[in-house]
C-alpha atoms as a PDB file:
ATOM      1  CA  MET A   1      79.099 100.905  84.420  1.00  0.00           C
ATOM      2  CA  LEU A   2      77.492 101.630  87.336  1.00  0.00           C
ATOM      3  CA  ARG A   3      77.860  98.646  90.202  1.00  0.00           C
ATOM      4  CA  PHE A   4      75.059  97.839  92.553  1.00  0.00           C
ATOM      5  CA  HIS A   5      75.813  97.064  96.255  1.00  0.00           C
ATOM      6  CA  GLN A   6      73.851  96.460  99.370  1.00  0.00           C
ATOM      7  CA  LEU A   7      75.220  96.241 102.777  1.00  0.00           C
ATOM      8  CA  GLN A   8      75.439  93.158 105.140  1.00  0.00           C
ATOM      9  CA  VAL A   9      75.413  94.363 108.719  1.00  0.00           C
ATOM     10  CA  LEU A  10      78.512  93.050 110.882  1.00  0.00           C
ATOM     11  CA  ARG A  11      77.577  93.894 113.992  1.00  0.00           C
ATOM     12  CA  ARG A  12      75.658  97.243 115.209  1.00  0.00           C
ATOM     13  CA  VAL A  13      77.348  98.988 118.719  1.00  0.00           C
ATOM     14  CA  PRO A  14      75.973 101.803 120.737  1.00  0.00           C
ATOM     15  CA  HIS A  15      76.329 105.464 119.447  1.00  0.00           C
ATOM     16  CA  PRO A  16      78.405 106.698 122.463  1.00  0.00           C
ATOM     17  CA  GLY A  17      76.700 110.219 122.842  1.00  0.00           C
ATOM     18  CA  ARG A  18      74.483 109.833 120.137  1.00  0.00           C
ATOM     19  CA  GLY A  19      75.628 113.372 119.262  1.00  0.00           C
ATOM     20  CA  PHE A  20      74.359 115.483 115.864  1.00  0.00           C
ATOM     21  CA  THR A  21      76.785 113.191 113.761  1.00  0.00           C
ATOM     22  CA  GLN A  22      78.630 115.269 111.089  1.00  0.00           C
ATOM     23  CA  GLY A  23      81.944 113.745 110.558  1.00  0.00           C
ATOM     24  CA  LEU A  24      83.428 109.965 111.129  1.00  0.00           C
ATOM     25  CA  LEU A  25      86.693 108.508 110.976  1.00  0.00           C
ATOM     26  CA  TRP A  26      88.355 105.287 112.202  1.00  0.00           C
ATOM     27  CA  ALA A  27      92.109 104.943 112.406  1.00  0.00           C
ATOM     28  CA  ASP A  28      94.299 102.766 114.741  1.00  0.00           C
ATOM     29  CA  GLY A  29      91.525 100.992 116.329  1.00  0.00           C
ATOM     30  CA  MET A  30      89.670 104.148 117.499  1.00  0.00           C
ATOM     31  CA  VAL A  31      86.822 106.319 116.228  1.00  0.00           C
ATOM     32  CA  TRP A  32      86.689 110.126 115.762  1.00  0.00           C
ATOM     33  CA  GLU A  33      83.254 112.002 115.400  1.00  0.00           C
ATOM     34  CA  SER A  34      82.565 115.376 114.752  1.00  0.00           C
ATOM     35  CA  THR A  35      78.711 116.306 115.886  1.00  0.00           C
ATOM     36  CA  GLY A  36      77.068 119.813 115.017  1.00  0.00           C
ATOM     37  CA  LEU A  37      74.562 122.102 116.354  1.00  0.00           C
ATOM     38  CA  TYR A  38      75.136 125.416 117.739  1.00  0.00           C
ATOM     39  CA  GLY A  39      76.317 125.474 121.314  1.00  0.00           C
ATOM     40  CA  GLU A  40      76.537 121.216 121.215  1.00  0.00           C
ATOM     41  CA  SER A  41      79.543 121.009 118.427  1.00  0.00           C
ATOM     42  CA  ALA A  42      82.431 118.749 119.591  1.00  0.00           C
ATOM     43  CA  VAL A  43      85.129 116.447 118.316  1.00  0.00           C
ATOM     44  CA  LEU A  44      84.994 112.791 120.067  1.00  0.00           C
ATOM     45  CA  ARG A  45      87.302 109.814 120.409  1.00  0.00           C
ATOM     46  CA  TYR A  46      86.262 106.486 121.200  1.00  0.00           C
ATOM     47  CA  ARG A  47      86.918 103.013 121.071  1.00  0.00           C
ATOM     48  CA  LEU A  48      84.385 101.309 118.986  1.00  0.00           C
ATOM     49  CA  GLY A  49      81.489  99.422 121.249  1.00  0.00           C
ATOM     50  CA  LEU A  50      81.664 101.832 124.221  1.00  0.00           C
ATOM     51  CA  ALA A  51      78.336 103.370 125.533  1.00  0.00           C
ATOM     52  CA  ASP A  52      80.296 106.781 126.401  1.00  0.00           C
ATOM     53  CA  PRO A  53      83.347 108.733 124.453  1.00  0.00           C
ATOM     54  CA  GLU A  54      86.656 108.598 125.897  1.00  0.00           C
ATOM     55  CA  TYR A  55      87.058 112.264 124.855  1.00  0.00           C
ATOM     56  CA  ARG A  56      85.354 114.936 123.975  1.00  0.00           C
ATOM     57  CA  VAL A  57      86.150 118.639 123.321  1.00  0.00           C
ATOM     58  CA  PRO A  58      83.309 120.908 122.688  1.00  0.00           C
ATOM     59  CA  LEU A  59      83.684 124.083 120.058  1.00  0.00           C
ATOM     60  CA  PRO A  60      82.923 127.773 120.848  1.00  0.00           C
ATOM     61  CA  PRO A  61      79.231 127.898 120.868  1.00  0.00           C
ATOM     62  CA  GLU A  62      79.009 130.166 117.672  1.00  0.00           C
ATOM     63  CA  LEU A  63      80.750 127.016 115.516  1.00  0.00           C
ATOM     64  CA  PHE A  64      78.387 124.060 113.987  1.00  0.00           C
ATOM     65  CA  GLY A  65      81.049 121.462 113.663  1.00  0.00           C
ATOM     66  CA  GLU A  66      81.208 119.466 110.661  1.00  0.00           C
ATOM     67  CA  GLY A  67      83.028 117.109 108.213  1.00  0.00           C
ATOM     68  CA  ILE A  68      86.898 115.567 109.717  1.00  0.00           C
ATOM     69  CA  CYS A  69      89.548 114.305 108.229  1.00  0.00           C
ATOM     70  CA  PHE A  70      93.605 113.286 109.137  1.00  0.00           C
ATOM     71  CA  VAL A  71      96.138 115.007 107.552  1.00  0.00           C
ATOM     72  CA  GLY A  72      99.437 113.808 108.866  1.00  0.00           C
ATOM     73  CA  GLY A  73      99.227 114.427 112.333  1.00  0.00           C
ATOM     74  CA  ASP A  74      96.459 116.688 112.154  1.00  0.00           C
ATOM     75  CA  LEU A  75      93.181 116.624 112.405  1.00  0.00           C
ATOM     76  CA  TRP A  76      90.920 119.104 110.389  1.00  0.00           C
ATOM     77  CA  GLN A  77      87.486 119.855 111.235  1.00  0.00           C
ATOM     78  CA  LEU A  78      84.824 121.901 108.902  1.00  0.00           C
ATOM     79  CA  THR A  79      82.355 124.197 110.037  1.00  0.00           C
ATOM     80  CA  TRP A  80      79.184 124.509 108.568  1.00  0.00           C
ATOM     81  CA  GLN A  81      78.699 128.359 107.731  1.00  0.00           C
ATOM     82  CA  GLU A  82      81.328 130.255 109.608  1.00  0.00           C
ATOM     83  CA  ARG A  83      83.672 129.989 106.713  1.00  0.00           C
ATOM     84  CA  VAL A  84      86.737 128.603 109.064  1.00  0.00           C
ATOM     85  CA  ALA A  85      88.462 125.174 109.617  1.00  0.00           C
ATOM     86  CA  LEU A  86      90.042 124.219 112.703  1.00  0.00           C
ATOM     87  CA  ARG A  87      92.889 122.154 112.790  1.00  0.00           C
ATOM     88  CA  TRP A  88      93.547 120.022 115.963  1.00  0.00           C
ATOM     89  CA  GLN A  89      96.476 117.735 117.079  1.00  0.00           C
ATOM     90  CA  ALA A  90      95.208 114.052 116.210  1.00  0.00           C
ATOM     91  CA  ASP A  91      96.992 112.698 119.564  1.00  0.00           C
ATOM     92  CA  THR A  92      96.130 114.805 121.922  1.00  0.00           C
ATOM     93  CA  LEU A  93      92.768 116.877 120.308  1.00  0.00           C
ATOM     94  CA  ASP A  94      94.677 120.062 121.106  1.00  0.00           C
ATOM     95  CA  PRO A  95      93.837 123.501 119.134  1.00  0.00           C
ATOM     96  CA  ALA A  96      96.477 123.815 116.441  1.00  0.00           C
ATOM     97  CA  GLY A  97      94.783 126.701 114.502  1.00  0.00           C
ATOM     98  CA  SER A  98      92.609 127.558 112.003  1.00  0.00           C
ATOM     99  CA  VAL A  99      92.109 128.436 108.254  1.00  0.00           C
ATOM    100  CA  PRO A 100      89.516 130.622 106.520  1.00  0.00           C
ATOM    101  CA  PHE A 101      87.359 128.418 104.354  1.00  0.00           C
ATOM    102  CA  ASN A 102      85.330 129.606 101.027  1.00  0.00           C
ATOM    103  CA  ARG A 103      82.010 127.355 100.810  1.00  0.00           C
ATOM    104  CA  GLU A 104      79.616 125.909 103.496  1.00  0.00           C
ATOM    105  CA  GLY A 105      81.729 122.930 105.216  1.00  0.00           C
ATOM    106  CA  TRP A 106      79.690 119.522 104.944  1.00  0.00           C
ATOM    107  CA  GLY A 107      82.205 116.662 104.245  1.00  0.00           C
ATOM    108  CA  ILE A 108      86.272 116.187 104.062  1.00  0.00           C
ATOM    109  CA  CYS A 109      88.248 113.616 103.231  1.00  0.00           C
ATOM    110  CA  SER A 110      91.787 112.714 102.616  1.00  0.00           C
ATOM    111  CA  ALA A 111      92.606 111.458  98.886  1.00  0.00           C
ATOM    112  CA  GLY A 112      95.874 110.622  98.628  1.00  0.00           C
ATOM    113  CA  ASP A 113      98.331 113.722  98.430  1.00  0.00           C
ATOM    114  CA  GLN A 114      94.887 115.817  98.071  1.00  0.00           C
ATOM    115  CA  VAL A 115      92.047 116.679 100.075  1.00  0.00           C
ATOM    116  CA  LEU A 116      88.586 116.619  98.701  1.00  0.00           C
ATOM    117  CA  THR A 117      85.528 118.618 100.652  1.00  0.00           C
ATOM    118  CA  SER A 118      81.494 118.751  99.829  1.00  0.00           C
ATOM    119  CA  ASP A 119      79.077 121.507 100.722  1.00  0.00           C
ATOM    120  CA  GLY A 120      75.617 119.667 100.162  1.00  0.00           C
ATOM    121  CA  SER A 121      75.802 119.938  96.047  1.00  0.00           C
ATOM    122  CA  SER A 122      77.048 117.997  93.376  1.00  0.00           C
ATOM    123  CA  GLU A 123      80.547 119.237  93.299  1.00  0.00           C
ATOM    124  CA  LEU A 124      83.126 118.326  95.061  1.00  0.00           C
ATOM    125  CA  VAL A 125      86.402 120.834  95.594  1.00  0.00           C
ATOM    126  CA  ARG A 126      90.109 119.609  95.536  1.00  0.00           C
ATOM    127  CA  ARG A 127      92.340 121.401  98.154  1.00  0.00           C
ATOM    128  CA  ASP A 128      95.437 121.863  99.212  1.00  0.00           C
ATOM    129  CA  PRO A 129      96.196 119.474 102.415  1.00  0.00           C
ATOM    130  CA  ALA A 130      98.425 122.397 104.427  1.00  0.00           C
ATOM    131  CA  THR A 131      95.797 125.309 103.797  1.00  0.00           C
ATOM    132  CA  LEU A 132      92.596 123.872 102.303  1.00  0.00           C
ATOM    133  CA  ALA A 133      93.323 126.524  99.411  1.00  0.00           C
ATOM    134  CA  PRO A 134      90.834 125.533  96.705  1.00  0.00           C
ATOM    135  CA  ALA A 135      92.947 124.002  93.968  1.00  0.00           C
ATOM    136  CA  GLY A 136      90.141 122.386  91.731  1.00  0.00           C
ATOM    137  CA  LEU A 137      86.368 121.217  91.048  1.00  0.00           C
ATOM    138  CA  ILE A 138      84.387 117.808  90.463  1.00  0.00           C
ATOM    139  CA  ARG A 139      81.502 117.867  89.174  1.00  0.00           C
ATOM    140  CA  VAL A 140      79.673 114.662  90.154  1.00  0.00           C
ATOM    141  CA  ARG A 141      77.432 112.851  87.759  1.00  0.00           C
ATOM    142  CA  MET A 142      75.467 109.556  87.441  1.00  0.00           C
ATOM    143  CA  ASP A 143      74.585 108.376  84.075  1.00  0.00           C
ATOM    144  CA  GLY A 144      74.663 112.305  82.763  1.00  0.00           C
ATOM    145  CA  SER A 145      72.879 113.760  86.262  1.00  0.00           C
ATOM    146  CA  ARG A 146      74.007 115.797  88.834  1.00  0.00           C
ATOM    147  CA  VAL A 147      73.973 113.906  92.067  1.00  0.00           C
ATOM    148  CA  ASP A 148      73.272 116.667  94.815  1.00  0.00           C
ATOM    149  CA  GLY A 149      73.399 116.142  98.489  1.00  0.00           C
ATOM    150  CA  LEU A 150      77.119 114.924  98.969  1.00  0.00           C
ATOM    151  CA  ASN A 151      77.419 115.047 102.457  1.00  0.00           C
ATOM    152  CA  ASP A 152      80.098 113.225 104.661  1.00  0.00           C
ATOM    153  CA  LEU A 153      83.097 111.640 102.939  1.00  0.00           C
ATOM    154  CA  ASP A 154      85.937 109.124 102.882  1.00  0.00           C
ATOM    155  CA  PHE A 155      88.355 107.588 100.993  1.00  0.00           C
ATOM    156  CA  SER A 156      88.983 103.815  99.968  1.00  0.00           C
ATOM    157  CA  ALA A 157      90.129 101.882  97.386  1.00  0.00           C
ATOM    158  CA  GLY A 158      90.227 104.237  94.854  1.00  0.00           C
ATOM    159  CA  ARG A 159      86.668 105.641  95.452  1.00  0.00           C
ATOM    160  CA  VAL A 160      85.460 108.844  97.480  1.00  0.00           C
ATOM    161  CA  TRP A 161      82.344 107.483  99.244  1.00  0.00           C
ATOM    162  CA  ALA A 162      79.954 109.632 100.038  1.00  0.00           C
ATOM    163  CA  ASN A 163      76.543 109.761 102.346  1.00  0.00           C
ATOM    164  CA  LEU A 164      73.919 111.389 100.356  1.00  0.00           C
ATOM    165  CA  ALA A 165      71.811 113.497 102.646  1.00  0.00           C
ATOM    166  CA  GLY A 166      68.541 112.453 103.510  1.00  0.00           C
ATOM    167  CA  ARG A 167      68.390 109.392 101.317  1.00  0.00           C
ATOM    168  CA  PRO A 168      69.313 105.797 102.301  1.00  0.00           C
ATOM    169  CA  PHE A 169      71.973 105.193  99.684  1.00  0.00           C
ATOM    170  CA  LEU A 170      75.862 105.768  99.419  1.00  0.00           C
ATOM    171  CA  ALA A 171      77.798 106.667  95.974  1.00  0.00           C
ATOM    172  CA  GLY A 172      81.543 105.771  95.282  1.00  0.00           C
ATOM    173  CA  ILE A 173      82.894 108.401  93.382  1.00  0.00           C
ATOM    174  CA  ASP A 174      86.205 108.151  90.871  1.00  0.00           C
ATOM    175  CA  PRO A 175      87.537 111.020  91.740  1.00  0.00           C
ATOM    176  CA  ALA A 176      89.815 111.803  88.465  1.00  0.00           C
ATOM    177  CA  THR A 177      86.396 111.900  86.394  1.00  0.00           C
ATOM    178  CA  GLY A 178      83.241 112.753  88.880  1.00  0.00           C
ATOM    179  CA  GLU A 179      81.576 109.535  87.737  1.00  0.00           C
ATOM    180  CA  VAL A 180      79.430 107.686  90.202  1.00  0.00           C
ATOM    181  CA  THR A 181      81.155 104.291  89.842  1.00  0.00           C
ATOM    182  CA  ASP A 182      79.041 102.580  92.521  1.00  0.00           C
ATOM    183  CA  LEU A 183      75.662 103.284  94.216  1.00  0.00           C
ATOM    184  CA  VAL A 184      75.096 101.383  97.523  1.00  0.00           C
ATOM    185  CA  ASP A 185      71.335 100.487  99.020  1.00  0.00           C
ATOM    186  CA  ALA A 186      72.252 101.487 102.819  1.00  0.00           C
ATOM    187  CA  GLY A 187      68.631 100.587 103.506  1.00  0.00           C
ATOM    188  CA  ALA A 188      70.085  97.755 106.219  1.00  0.00           C
ATOM    189  CA  ALA A 189      71.680 100.065 108.204  1.00  0.00           C
ATOM    190  CA  TRP A 190      69.121 103.224 108.632  1.00  0.00           C
ATOM    191  CA  GLU A 191      67.628 104.613 111.513  1.00  0.00           C
ATOM    192  CA  ARG A 192      64.052 105.829 111.636  1.00  0.00           C
ATOM    193  CA  ILE A 193      63.620 108.231 114.955  1.00  0.00           C
ATOM    194  CA  ARG A 194      59.979 109.173 115.101  1.00  0.00           C
ATOM    195  CA  GLY A 195      59.548 112.945 115.664  1.00  0.00           C
ATOM    196  CA  ASP A 196      62.820 113.462 114.515  1.00  0.00           C
ATOM    197  CA  PRO A 197      63.269 114.484 110.700  1.00  0.00           C
ATOM    198  CA  GLN A 198      66.936 115.537 111.268  1.00  0.00           C
ATOM    199  CA  ALA A 199      68.129 111.995 112.223  1.00  0.00           C
ATOM    200  CA  ILE A 200      69.691 111.164 108.414  1.00  0.00           C
ATOM    201  CA  GLY A 201      72.197 108.988 107.745  1.00  0.00           C
ATOM    202  CA  ASN A 202      75.504 110.659 108.292  1.00  0.00           C
ATOM    203  CA  GLY A 203      79.035 109.577 109.139  1.00  0.00           C
ATOM    204  CA  ILE A 204      81.063 107.017 106.655  1.00  0.00           C
ATOM    205  CA  ALA A 205      84.289 105.949 107.809  1.00  0.00           C
ATOM    206  CA  ALA A 206      86.683 103.505 105.526  1.00  0.00           C
ATOM    207  CA  LEU A 207      87.668 100.164 107.530  1.00  0.00           C
ATOM    208  CA  PRO A 208      91.107  98.581 106.396  1.00  0.00           C
ATOM    209  CA  ASP A 209      89.261  95.895 104.769  1.00  0.00           C
ATOM    210  CA  PRO A 210      88.297  96.854 101.525  1.00  0.00           C
ATOM    211  CA  GLY A 211      84.436  97.368 101.308  1.00  0.00           C
ATOM    212  CA  GLU A 212      83.819  97.728 104.823  1.00  0.00           C
ATOM    213  CA  PHE A 213      82.719 100.768 106.613  1.00  0.00           C
ATOM    214  CA  LEU A 214      81.293 102.444 109.756  1.00  0.00           C
ATOM    215  CA  LEU A 215      78.378 104.004 109.288  1.00  0.00           C
ATOM    216  CA  THR A 216      75.924 106.466 112.084  1.00  0.00           C
ATOM    217  CA  GLY A 217      73.528 108.974 111.577  1.00  0.00           C
ATOM    218  CA  LYS A 218      72.301 112.277 113.403  1.00  0.00           C
ATOM    219  CA  ARG A 219      71.259 110.766 116.843  1.00  0.00           C
ATOM    220  CA  TRP A 220      71.356 107.376 116.258  1.00  0.00           C
ATOM    221  CA  ARG A 221      71.487 104.832 118.545  1.00  0.00           C
ATOM    222  CA  PHE A 222      74.284 102.758 117.079  1.00  0.00           C
ATOM    223  CA  VAL A 223      76.943 102.439 114.898  1.00  0.00           C
ATOM    224  CA  TYR A 224      76.744  99.944 112.109  1.00  0.00           C
ATOM    225  CA  HIS A 225      79.975  97.755 110.870  1.00  0.00           C
ATOM    226  CA  VAL A 226      78.806  96.701 107.422  1.00  0.00           C
ATOM    227  CA  ARG A 227      80.178  95.014 104.616  1.00  0.00           C
ATOM    228  CA  LEU A 228      79.749  95.802 100.606  1.00  0.00           C
ATOM    229  CA  VAL A 229      77.764  93.039  99.087  1.00  0.00           C
ATOM    230  CA  PRO A 230      76.855  92.868  95.098  1.00  0.00           C
ATOM    231  CA  ALA A 231      73.329  93.628  94.552  1.00  0.00           C
ATOM    232  CA  ARG A 232      71.109  93.469  91.163  1.00  0.00           C
ATOM    233  CA  PRO A 233      71.144  96.577  88.870  1.00  0.00           C
ATOM    234  CA  ARG A 234      68.266  98.755  89.462  1.00  0.00           C
ATOM    235  CA  LYS A 235      66.206 100.365  86.780  1.00  0.00           C
ATOM    236  CA  ASN A 236      66.581 104.273  86.522  1.00  0.00           C
ATOM    237  CA  PRO A 237      69.036 104.976  89.121  1.00  0.00           C
ATOM    238  CA  VAL A 238      68.746 108.959  88.917  1.00  0.00           C
ATOM    239  CA  ARG A 239      65.367 108.543  89.767  1.00  0.00           C
ATOM    240  CA  LEU A 240      65.609 106.274  92.439  1.00  0.00           C
ATOM    241  CA  LEU A 241      67.613 108.878  94.169  1.00  0.00           C
ATOM    242  CA  ALA A 242      65.511 111.763  93.163  1.00  0.00           C
ATOM    243  CA  GLY A 243      62.351 109.685  94.692  1.00  0.00           C
END
């Protein structure tokens, strides 16, 4: 049964650097962020509430940064169309190598003993955590229909949580079946920047308390600390996403 949620905004804080956010993580009191665009891509680390990042490591100008996730003591960072994934030492942000990647890179998350990635389609790819080699495919559906635009990812409470590109909704996905079990109206934490159609929501980081997340978007002014709260069911949820 599909569960519906809306967001309670607990607080909003400055978005350090207001970068073109492609990935967001939280761990041990720190926020990690990957930003995109050629010549502007970077990986950042900062404490929530600061106006400026504490650390910022730029990528080579020919790489477009995308999603990030932790595996052990390393940080994986995808690139968009360059077919390479970068490995960083999480504590120092020193480069630790790279591996080839077989699709466009969008989102990535650790989910138990596996890593899952998105490419903007309705598919998630299961991957080997050590090499990111593909190991299986998850086709994401809601009420029998594909859910396209899967973007940044994180994992919490047995579900993969995904931004849906260009739409003010989040999807909670059962990784065992690909079924969307939770649909979140994210309108309460959605910024609209006049004259910038690319400034969409992207960046979801699960917090330790179940149902709580950090959300932001590309060039957004704020990072939002939110909690999921139950909402009334909506008719035709597939049409809702399409519209």
